[in-house]
Amino acid sequence: QVQLVESGGGLVQPGGSLRLSCTASGFGFSLYAMSWYRQAPGKEREYIARISSGGSTNYADSVKGRFTISRDNAKNTVYLQMNSLKPEDTAVYYCNWFNSWGQGTLITVSS
């Protein structure tokens, strides 16, 4: 059974940083790409970043240069380092593998 468990959310001031973690189980983590998505209040879920099995990365324009996706295959974990956070980054952030999703973790960027 596939499980994706996110952690690391919380309240942060504009300009601050947070790191999200997603620990996966139930599949061969190191063999697959992983992605992060987010869903802001009243909006559709949107793609944020992807990391391939080999470590190649891709980002949405809205977060490019501020967010960094990485992975630790030994820990079956994918990370999202978020810097220079803005109020418009406020959302529930989800880890994704194919059609499997974590429970989400809320990030609130506010002073």
Protein backbone atom coordinates (compact mmCIF):
# COMPACT_ATOMS: atom_id res chain seq x y z
CA GLN A 1 0.00 0.00 0.00
CA VAL A 2 1.41 3.33 -1.09
CA GLN A 3 1.73 5.98 1.61
CA LEU A 4 2.99 9.53 1.30
CA VAL A 5 3.35 11.48 4.53
CA GLU A 6 4.16 15.19 4.42
CA SER A 7 5.52 17.24 7.29
CA GLY A 8 7.06 20.62 7.93
CA GLY A 9 4.16 22.99 7.39
CA GLY A 10 3.31 25.96 9.53
CA LEU A 11 3.10 29.72 9.83
CA VAL A 12 5.94 31.80 8.46
CA GLN A 13 6.46 35.51 7.87
CA PRO A 14 6.88 36.89 4.37
CA GLY A 15 10.48 36.47 3.29
CA GLY A 16 10.95 33.48 5.54
CA SER A 17 11.85 29.89 4.77
CA LEU A 18 10.46 26.43 5.43
CA ARG A 19 11.42 22.93 4.42
CA LEU A 20 8.78 20.32 3.70
CA SER A 21 9.42 16.60 3.82
CA CYS A 22 7.48 13.74 2.25
CA THR A 23 8.32 10.21 3.30
CA ALA A 24 7.12 7.50 0.96
CA SER A 25 6.47 3.80 1.40
CA GLY A 26 4.90 0.96 -0.53
CA PHE A 27 6.82 1.32 -3.81
CA GLY A 28 10.36 1.50 -5.12
CA PHE A 29 10.95 5.13 -4.27
CA SER A 30 14.39 5.46 -5.82
CA LEU A 31 13.09 4.30 -9.22
CA TYR A 32 10.54 7.04 -9.70
CA ALA A 33 10.10 10.76 -10.10
CA MET A 34 8.32 12.61 -7.32
CA SER A 35 6.42 15.87 -7.42
CA TRP A 36 5.03 18.59 -5.20
CA TYR A 37 1.74 20.37 -5.78
CA ARG A 38 -0.18 22.97 -3.84
CA GLN A 39 -3.75 24.15 -3.52
CA ALA A 40 -4.55 27.64 -2.32
CA PRO A 41 -7.95 28.46 -0.82
CA GLY A 42 -10.57 28.64 -3.54
CA LYS A 43 -8.15 27.62 -6.27
CA GLU A 44 -7.33 24.48 -8.19
CA ARG A 45 -4.39 22.31 -7.26
CA GLU A 46 -1.28 23.41 -9.13
CA TYR A 47 2.05 21.84 -9.98
CA ILE A 48 5.09 23.16 -8.12
CA ALA A 49 8.12 20.98 -8.75
CA ARG A 50 9.32 17.58 -9.89
CA ILE A 51 12.48 15.57 -9.35
CA SER A 52 13.36 12.60 -11.51
CA SER A 53 14.82 9.36 -10.27
CA GLY A 54 18.19 10.63 -11.41
CA GLY A 55 17.85 13.97 -9.66
CA SER A 56 16.86 16.23 -12.56
CA THR A 57 14.51 18.97 -11.44
CA ASN A 58 11.75 21.09 -12.91
CA TYR A 59 9.83 23.99 -11.41
CA ALA A 60 6.75 26.04 -12.04
CA ASP A 61 7.57 29.60 -13.00
CA SER A 62 5.84 30.86 -9.86
CA VAL A 63 8.45 29.25 -7.59
CA LYS A 64 11.54 29.05 -9.80
CA GLY A 65 14.57 30.50 -8.03
CA ARG A 66 12.87 30.39 -4.61
CA PHE A 67 12.01 26.71 -4.11
CA THR A 68 14.33 23.71 -4.35
CA ILE A 69 13.22 20.10 -4.61
CA SER A 70 15.60 17.34 -3.54
CA ARG A 71 15.50 13.71 -2.53
CA ASP A 72 17.22 11.26 -0.23
CA ASN A 73 16.68 7.77 -1.59
CA ALA A 74 18.18 6.17 1.51
CA LYS A 75 15.38 7.74 3.54
CA ASN A 76 12.63 7.41 0.89
CA THR A 77 12.08 11.11 1.33
CA VAL A 78 11.58 14.04 -1.00
CA TYR A 79 12.06 17.60 0.25
CA LEU A 80 10.87 21.03 -0.76
CA GLN A 81 13.03 23.89 0.49
CA MET A 82 11.04 27.10 0.24
CA ASN A 83 12.80 30.45 0.54
CA SER A 84 11.65 34.05 0.11
CA LEU A 85 8.11 33.02 0.89
CA LYS A 86 5.27 35.29 -0.16
CA PRO A 87 1.67 35.54 1.05
CA GLU A 88 0.57 34.06 -2.26
CA ASP A 89 2.47 30.89 -1.37
CA THR A 90 -0.14 30.20 1.29
CA ALA A 91 -1.64 26.81 0.42
CA VAL A 92 -1.87 23.17 1.33
CA TYR A 93 1.17 21.44 -0.12
CA TYR A 94 0.93 17.88 -1.39
CA CYS A 95 3.45 15.23 -2.28
CA ASN A 96 2.60 13.20 -5.38
CA TRP A 97 3.54 9.90 -7.02
CA PHE A 98 1.40 9.01 -10.03
CA ASN A 99 -2.19 9.05 -8.72
CA SER A 100 -1.17 8.83 -5.06
CA TRP A 101 -1.25 11.88 -2.82
CA GLY A 102 -0.24 12.65 0.71
CA GLN A 103 -2.61 14.19 3.23
CA GLY A 104 -1.15 17.63 2.64
CA THR A 105 0.54 20.12 4.92
CA LEU A 106 -0.60 23.71 5.35
CA ILE A 107 1.75 26.62 4.78
CA THR A 108 0.55 30.03 5.86
CA VAL A 109 2.67 33.03 4.92
CA SER A 110 1.56 36.02 6.92
CA SER A 111 2.89 38.76 9.14
